[in-house]
């Protein structure tokens, strides 16, 4: 049973998320603010974290930054749940290492699909210890600087839209970069391209 930590200061929202996850056979753990959320993450080591952005004690960005700086929690999939949806907020969260960013009110199916996708991505990456600090090693695959940057974020599970927000380019431009990447690598899709990227950026455990 997968353990999911919910960090949410609104009691009604927190309880609603807990009930949804219980119905889907997850094991939810809750925290009412950012500071307690950080402590719970380090204590429980959940399989995934759902976190609000605007909270007392510590906001969601500070929570994410604290967890990404700790080796024990650095690789836990992290999904923001927030009413804020501006590009700048998305970019801040993604640059800190958020795996997804869902704007409230989020539909149950969208939430569950995001959770499933991030858990699957974590499983795929479990055999690697990737260093995502720089895209430069990916240029050795014959990629341009911008193509390497795009692949760096795609390999972390970002969508074309999210990658575009981070790199300040359009999703269509990201798609074009990916087409070039697939052609240069001789692969047919993002899953195989991601594995090639992980091999370059990682050492096998």
C-alpha atoms as a PDB file:
ATOM      1  CA  UNK A   1       0.000   0.000   0.000  1.00  0.00           C
ATOM      2  CA  UNK A   2       1.464   3.341  -1.082  1.00  0.00           C
ATOM      3  CA  UNK A   3       1.780   6.006   1.611  1.00  0.00           C
ATOM      4  CA  UNK A   4       0.847   9.563   0.611  1.00  0.00           C
ATOM      5  CA  UNK A   5       1.475  12.618   2.763  1.00  0.00           C
ATOM      6  CA  UNK A   6      -1.102  15.429   2.528  1.00  0.00           C
ATOM      7  CA  UNK A   7       0.180  18.846   3.663  1.00  0.00           C
ATOM      8  CA  UNK A   8      -2.865  21.139   3.715  1.00  0.00           C
ATOM      9  CA  UNK A   9      -3.940  23.816   6.207  1.00  0.00           C
ATOM     10  CA  UNK A  10      -7.659  23.818   5.308  1.00  0.00           C
ATOM     11  CA  UNK A  11      -9.326  21.052   7.402  1.00  0.00           C
ATOM     12  CA  UNK A  12     -12.142  20.401   4.914  1.00  0.00           C
ATOM     13  CA  UNK A  13      -9.758  20.042   1.984  1.00  0.00           C
ATOM     14  CA  UNK A  14      -7.368  17.915   4.029  1.00  0.00           C
ATOM     15  CA  UNK A  15     -10.138  15.535   5.116  1.00  0.00           C
ATOM     16  CA  UNK A  16     -11.577  15.352   1.607  1.00  0.00           C
ATOM     17  CA  UNK A  17      -8.205  14.377   0.141  1.00  0.00           C
ATOM     18  CA  UNK A  18      -7.685  11.822   2.905  1.00  0.00           C
ATOM     19  CA  UNK A  19     -11.045  10.199   2.179  1.00  0.00           C
ATOM     20  CA  UNK A  20     -10.402  10.099  -1.581  1.00  0.00           C
ATOM     21  CA  UNK A  21      -7.051   8.412  -1.066  1.00  0.00           C
ATOM     22  CA  UNK A  22      -8.430   5.907   1.435  1.00  0.00           C
ATOM     23  CA  UNK A  23     -11.136   4.929  -1.075  1.00  0.00           C
ATOM     24  CA  UNK A  24      -8.374   4.283  -3.640  1.00  0.00           C
ATOM     25  CA  UNK A  25      -6.477   2.018  -1.204  1.00  0.00           C
ATOM     26  CA  UNK A  26      -3.697   4.467  -0.457  1.00  0.00           C
ATOM     27  CA  UNK A  27      -2.423   5.051   3.091  1.00  0.00           C
ATOM     28  CA  UNK A  28      -2.826   8.806   3.725  1.00  0.00           C
ATOM     29  CA  UNK A  29      -0.873  10.720   6.350  1.00  0.00           C
ATOM     30  CA  UNK A  30      -1.801  14.351   7.041  1.00  0.00           C
ATOM     31  CA  UNK A  31      -0.124  17.519   8.295  1.00  0.00           C
ATOM     32  CA  UNK A  32      -1.902  20.855   8.970  1.00  0.00           C
ATOM     33  CA  UNK A  33       0.946  23.201   8.029  1.00  0.00           C
ATOM     34  CA  UNK A  34       4.285  23.330   6.274  1.00  0.00           C
ATOM     35  CA  UNK A  35       6.498  22.929   9.320  1.00  0.00           C
ATOM     36  CA  UNK A  36       4.669  19.823  10.500  1.00  0.00           C
ATOM     37  CA  UNK A  37       4.634  18.623   6.905  1.00  0.00           C
ATOM     38  CA  UNK A  38       8.427  18.679   6.673  1.00  0.00           C
ATOM     39  CA  UNK A  39       8.687  16.776   9.955  1.00  0.00           C
ATOM     40  CA  UNK A  40       6.094  14.218   8.798  1.00  0.00           C
ATOM     41  CA  UNK A  41       7.876  13.706   5.479  1.00  0.00           C
ATOM     42  CA  UNK A  42      11.177  12.983   7.218  1.00  0.00           C
ATOM     43  CA  UNK A  43       9.498  10.720   9.772  1.00  0.00           C
ATOM     44  CA  UNK A  44       7.133   8.793   7.468  1.00  0.00           C
ATOM     45  CA  UNK A  45       9.166   8.808   4.205  1.00  0.00           C
ATOM     46  CA  UNK A  46       5.988   8.643   2.082  1.00  0.00           C
ATOM     47  CA  UNK A  47       5.837   7.400  -1.490  1.00  0.00           C
ATOM     48  CA  UNK A  48       4.386  10.740  -2.648  1.00  0.00           C
ATOM     49  CA  UNK A  49       3.541  14.164  -1.209  1.00  0.00           C
ATOM     50  CA  UNK A  50       0.535  16.401  -1.943  1.00  0.00           C
ATOM     51  CA  UNK A  51       1.174  19.932  -0.716  1.00  0.00           C
ATOM     52  CA  UNK A  52      -0.692  23.236  -0.671  1.00  0.00           C
ATOM     53  CA  UNK A  53       1.311  26.380  -1.500  1.00  0.00           C
ATOM     54  CA  UNK A  54      -0.182  29.076   0.748  1.00  0.00           C
ATOM     55  CA  UNK A  55       0.114  27.820   4.337  1.00  0.00           C
ATOM     56  CA  UNK A  56       1.114  29.070   7.791  1.00  0.00           C
ATOM     57  CA  UNK A  57       4.478  28.226   9.365  1.00  0.00           C
ATOM     58  CA  UNK A  58       6.133  27.327   6.039  1.00  0.00           C
ATOM     59  CA  UNK A  59       4.626  27.797   2.593  1.00  0.00           C
ATOM     60  CA  UNK A  60       4.721  25.019   0.025  1.00  0.00           C
ATOM     61  CA  UNK A  61       7.779  26.330  -1.790  1.00  0.00           C
ATOM     62  CA  UNK A  62       9.751  26.379   1.473  1.00  0.00           C
ATOM     63  CA  UNK A  63       8.542  22.845   2.249  1.00  0.00           C
ATOM     64  CA  UNK A  64       9.708  21.597  -1.132  1.00  0.00           C
ATOM     65  CA  UNK A  65      13.064  23.335  -0.826  1.00  0.00           C
ATOM     66  CA  UNK A  66      13.659  21.812   2.617  1.00  0.00           C
ATOM     67  CA  UNK A  67      12.788  18.316   1.429  1.00  0.00           C
ATOM     68  CA  UNK A  68      14.890  18.534  -1.741  1.00  0.00           C
ATOM     69  CA  UNK A  69      17.923  19.491   0.382  1.00  0.00           C
ATOM     70  CA  UNK A  70      17.617  16.325   2.500  1.00  0.00           C
ATOM     71  CA  UNK A  71      18.949  13.161   0.848  1.00  0.00           C
ATOM     72  CA  UNK A  72      16.298  11.028   2.572  1.00  0.00           C
ATOM     73  CA  UNK A  73      13.412  12.996   1.056  1.00  0.00           C
ATOM     74  CA  UNK A  74      14.972  14.548  -2.047  1.00  0.00           C
ATOM     75  CA  UNK A  75      13.532  12.035  -4.516  1.00  0.00           C
ATOM     76  CA  UNK A  76       9.984  11.720  -3.132  1.00  0.00           C
ATOM     77  CA  UNK A  77       7.462  12.688  -5.853  1.00  0.00           C
ATOM     78  CA  UNK A  78       5.930  16.063  -4.946  1.00  0.00           C
ATOM     79  CA  UNK A  79       2.656  17.489  -6.281  1.00  0.00           C
ATOM     80  CA  UNK A  80       1.476  21.015  -5.511  1.00  0.00           C
ATOM     81  CA  UNK A  81      -2.243  21.610  -4.938  1.00  0.00           C
ATOM     82  CA  UNK A  82      -3.046  25.297  -4.987  1.00  0.00           C
ATOM     83  CA  UNK A  83      -5.479  27.966  -6.093  1.00  0.00           C
ATOM     84  CA  UNK A  84      -2.603  29.872  -7.682  1.00  0.00           C
ATOM     85  CA  UNK A  85      -2.045  29.084 -11.341  1.00  0.00           C
ATOM     86  CA  UNK A  86       0.092  31.871 -12.742  1.00  0.00           C
ATOM     87  CA  UNK A  87       3.114  30.938 -14.844  1.00  0.00           C
ATOM     88  CA  UNK A  88       5.532  32.455 -12.330  1.00  0.00           C
ATOM     89  CA  UNK A  89       4.234  30.198  -9.559  1.00  0.00           C
ATOM     90  CA  UNK A  90       4.453  27.128 -11.776  1.00  0.00           C
ATOM     91  CA  UNK A  91       7.998  28.045 -12.760  1.00  0.00           C
ATOM     92  CA  UNK A  92       9.087  28.602  -9.141  1.00  0.00           C
ATOM     93  CA  UNK A  93       7.704  25.234  -8.075  1.00  0.00           C
ATOM     94  CA  UNK A  94       9.132  23.317 -11.013  1.00  0.00           C
ATOM     95  CA  UNK A  95      12.566  24.916 -10.640  1.00  0.00           C
ATOM     96  CA  UNK A  96      12.646  23.734  -7.035  1.00  0.00           C
ATOM     97  CA  UNK A  97      11.866  20.195  -8.182  1.00  0.00           C
ATOM     98  CA  UNK A  98       8.082  19.828  -7.981  1.00  0.00           C
ATOM     99  CA  UNK A  99       6.812  16.932 -10.095  1.00  0.00           C
ATOM    100  CA  UNK A 100       3.378  18.343 -10.833  1.00  0.00           C
ATOM    101  CA  UNK A 101       1.229  21.391 -10.170  1.00  0.00           C
ATOM    102  CA  UNK A 102      -2.559  20.986  -9.946  1.00  0.00           C
ATOM    103  CA  UNK A 103      -4.761  24.060  -9.628  1.00  0.00           C
ATOM    104  CA  UNK A 104      -7.725  23.901  -7.240  1.00  0.00           C
ATOM    105  CA  UNK A 105     -10.445  22.885  -7.556  1.00  0.00           C
ATOM    106  CA  UNK A 106      -8.934  19.763  -9.061  1.00  0.00           C
ATOM    107  CA  UNK A 107     -11.112  16.955 -10.365  1.00  0.00           C
ATOM    108  CA  UNK A 108     -10.736  13.612  -8.588  1.00  0.00           C
ATOM    109  CA  UNK A 109      -9.806  11.820 -11.815  1.00  0.00           C
ATOM    110  CA  UNK A 110      -7.123  14.408 -12.601  1.00  0.00           C
ATOM    111  CA  UNK A 111      -5.696  14.039  -9.100  1.00  0.00           C
ATOM    112  CA  UNK A 112      -5.596  10.252  -9.276  1.00  0.00           C
ATOM    113  CA  UNK A 113      -4.073  10.299 -12.763  1.00  0.00           C
ATOM    114  CA  UNK A 114      -1.342  12.680 -11.575  1.00  0.00           C
ATOM    115  CA  UNK A 115      -0.594  10.471  -8.578  1.00  0.00           C
ATOM    116  CA  UNK A 116      -0.449   7.337 -10.733  1.00  0.00           C
ATOM    117  CA  UNK A 117       1.823   9.020 -13.277  1.00  0.00           C
ATOM    118  CA  UNK A 118       4.277  10.264 -10.647  1.00  0.00           C
ATOM    119  CA  UNK A 119       4.405   6.927  -8.837  1.00  0.00           C
ATOM    120  CA  UNK A 120       5.069   5.163 -12.147  1.00  0.00           C
ATOM    121  CA  UNK A 121       7.797   7.687 -13.001  1.00  0.00           C
ATOM    122  CA  UNK A 122       9.400   7.129  -9.607  1.00  0.00           C
ATOM    123  CA  UNK A 123       9.362   3.374 -10.260  1.00  0.00           C
ATOM    124  CA  UNK A 124      11.049   3.854 -13.638  1.00  0.00           C
ATOM    125  CA  UNK A 125      13.768   5.989 -12.079  1.00  0.00           C
ATOM    126  CA  UNK A 126      14.313   3.713  -9.082  1.00  0.00           C
ATOM    127  CA  UNK A 127      17.190   1.896 -10.761  1.00  0.00           C
ATOM    128  CA  UNK A 128      19.089   5.127 -11.322  1.00  0.00           C
ATOM    129  CA  UNK A 129      20.700   7.823  -9.218  1.00  0.00           C
ATOM    130  CA  UNK A 130      20.334  10.775 -11.559  1.00  0.00           C
ATOM    131  CA  UNK A 131      22.028  14.145 -11.260  1.00  0.00           C
ATOM    132  CA  UNK A 132      19.627  16.666 -12.760  1.00  0.00           C
ATOM    133  CA  UNK A 133      21.709  19.718 -11.836  1.00  0.00           C
ATOM    134  CA  UNK A 134      22.932  20.303 -15.390  1.00  0.00           C
ATOM    135  CA  UNK A 135      21.836  19.473 -18.928  1.00  0.00           C
ATOM    136  CA  UNK A 136      25.402  19.683 -20.238  1.00  0.00           C
ATOM    137  CA  UNK A 137      26.068  15.899 -20.157  1.00  0.00           C
ATOM    138  CA  UNK A 138      23.116  15.380 -22.507  1.00  0.00           C
ATOM    139  CA  UNK A 139      24.840  17.468 -25.171  1.00  0.00           C
ATOM    140  CA  UNK A 140      27.170  14.465 -25.592  1.00  0.00           C
ATOM    141  CA  UNK A 141      24.211  12.763 -27.309  1.00  0.00           C
ATOM    142  CA  UNK A 142      24.566  15.253 -30.139  1.00  0.00           C
ATOM    143  CA  UNK A 143      21.857  17.564 -28.837  1.00  0.00           C
ATOM    144  CA  UNK A 144      21.836  21.336 -28.961  1.00  0.00           C
ATOM    145  CA  UNK A 145      21.871  23.274 -25.688  1.00  0.00           C
ATOM    146  CA  UNK A 146      18.114  23.909 -25.863  1.00  0.00           C
ATOM    147  CA  UNK A 147      17.354  20.296 -26.806  1.00  0.00           C
ATOM    148  CA  UNK A 148      19.461  19.062 -23.900  1.00  0.00           C
ATOM    149  CA  UNK A 149      17.645  21.413 -21.514  1.00  0.00           C
ATOM    150  CA  UNK A 150      14.292  20.179 -22.780  1.00  0.00           C
ATOM    151  CA  UNK A 151      15.275  16.531 -22.370  1.00  0.00           C
ATOM    152  CA  UNK A 152      16.585  17.238 -18.857  1.00  0.00           C
ATOM    153  CA  UNK A 153      13.119  18.304 -17.722  1.00  0.00           C
ATOM    154  CA  UNK A 154      11.246  15.691 -19.757  1.00  0.00           C
ATOM    155  CA  UNK A 155      13.392  13.035 -18.066  1.00  0.00           C
ATOM    156  CA  UNK A 156      12.111  14.339 -14.731  1.00  0.00           C
ATOM    157  CA  UNK A 157       8.540  13.687 -15.824  1.00  0.00           C
ATOM    158  CA  UNK A 158       7.581  17.203 -16.872  1.00  0.00           C
ATOM    159  CA  UNK A 159       5.001  17.698 -19.618  1.00  0.00           C
ATOM    160  CA  UNK A 160       5.667  19.793 -22.703  1.00  0.00           C
ATOM    161  CA  UNK A 161       3.699  22.637 -21.132  1.00  0.00           C
ATOM    162  CA  UNK A 162       5.599  22.473 -17.833  1.00  0.00           C
ATOM    163  CA  UNK A 163       8.952  22.277 -19.631  1.00  0.00           C
ATOM    164  CA  UNK A 164       7.978  25.293 -21.690  1.00  0.00           C
ATOM    165  CA  UNK A 165       7.071  27.285 -18.592  1.00  0.00           C
ATOM    166  CA  UNK A 166      10.402  26.440 -16.956  1.00  0.00           C
ATOM    167  CA  UNK A 167      12.432  27.289 -20.074  1.00  0.00           C
ATOM    168  CA  UNK A 168      10.220  30.256 -20.990  1.00  0.00           C
ATOM    169  CA  UNK A 169       9.331  28.821 -24.393  1.00  0.00           C
ATOM    170  CA  UNK A 170       6.055  27.548 -25.856  1.00  0.00           C
ATOM    171  CA  UNK A 171       4.850  23.960 -25.565  1.00  0.00           C
ATOM    172  CA  UNK A 172       4.934  23.823 -29.358  1.00  0.00           C
ATOM    173  CA  UNK A 173       8.636  24.697 -29.312  1.00  0.00           C
ATOM    174  CA  UNK A 174       9.270  21.961 -26.751  1.00  0.00           C
ATOM    175  CA  UNK A 175       7.423  19.520 -29.005  1.00  0.00           C
ATOM    176  CA  UNK A 176       9.653  20.545 -31.917  1.00  0.00           C
ATOM    177  CA  UNK A 177      12.769  20.062 -29.775  1.00  0.00           C
ATOM    178  CA  UNK A 178      11.531  16.580 -28.841  1.00  0.00           C
ATOM    179  CA  UNK A 179      11.032  15.666 -32.479  1.00  0.00           C
ATOM    180  CA  UNK A 180      14.666  16.606 -33.123  1.00  0.00           C
ATOM    181  CA  UNK A 181      15.774  14.687 -30.028  1.00  0.00           C
ATOM    182  CA  UNK A 182      13.959  11.520 -31.117  1.00  0.00           C
ATOM    183  CA  UNK A 183      15.507  11.765 -34.578  1.00  0.00           C
ATOM    184  CA  UNK A 184      19.032  12.304 -33.231  1.00  0.00           C
ATOM    185  CA  UNK A 185      18.724   9.480 -30.675  1.00  0.00           C
ATOM    186  CA  UNK A 186      17.007   7.120 -33.096  1.00  0.00           C
ATOM    187  CA  UNK A 187      14.082   6.525 -30.744  1.00  0.00           C
ATOM    188  CA  UNK A 188      10.316   6.733 -31.208  1.00  0.00           C
ATOM    189  CA  UNK A 189       9.073   8.414 -28.051  1.00  0.00           C
ATOM    190  CA  UNK A 190       9.700  10.165 -24.754  1.00  0.00           C
ATOM    191  CA  UNK A 191       9.894   6.994 -22.634  1.00  0.00           C
ATOM    192  CA  UNK A 192      12.920   5.622 -24.486  1.00  0.00           C
ATOM    193  CA  UNK A 193      14.452   9.106 -24.703  1.00  0.00           C
ATOM    194  CA  UNK A 194      14.011   9.437 -20.952  1.00  0.00           C
ATOM    195  CA  UNK A 195      15.798   6.150 -20.332  1.00  0.00           C
ATOM    196  CA  UNK A 196      18.705   7.288 -22.529  1.00  0.00           C
ATOM    197  CA  UNK A 197      18.873  10.532 -20.571  1.00  0.00           C
ATOM    198  CA  UNK A 198      18.819   8.713 -17.227  1.00  0.00           C
ATOM    199  CA  UNK A 199      21.654   6.466 -18.370  1.00  0.00           C
ATOM    200  CA  UNK A 200      23.753   9.530 -19.165  1.00  0.00           C
ATOM    201  CA  UNK A 201      22.839  11.431 -16.002  1.00  0.00           C
ATOM    202  CA  UNK A 202      23.019   8.461 -13.644  1.00  0.00           C
ATOM    203  CA  UNK A 203      25.084   5.716 -12.198  1.00  0.00           C
ATOM    204  CA  UNK A 204      23.351   2.387 -11.673  1.00  0.00           C
ATOM    205  CA  UNK A 205      22.562   1.512  -8.066  1.00  0.00           C
END
